[in-house]
């Protein structure tokens, strides 16, 4: 008979991507201070890097699609919104 996993166990398996050990050079004084404050440096670096990557991906998407967005906005300026004539507000 199959066992039933708790929802928490299922979510935790899905939410954690694989991690890889790397070498990282940090200033010794800052690292010592972080450890004395019980800051999880690995988690902090992972979260910050995730944010930096997400912002860079969004920036690049905007640059790559700038021509389309400008053309779409120009079309809206000249022709108005699609179905605008039936808008009730």
Foldseek 3Di string as FASTA:
>chain_A
DDDDDDPVVVVVVVVDDDDDDDDDDDDPVVVVVCVVVVHPVVVVVVVVVVVVVVVVVVVVVCVVCVVVVVVVVVCCVVPNDVPVVVDDD
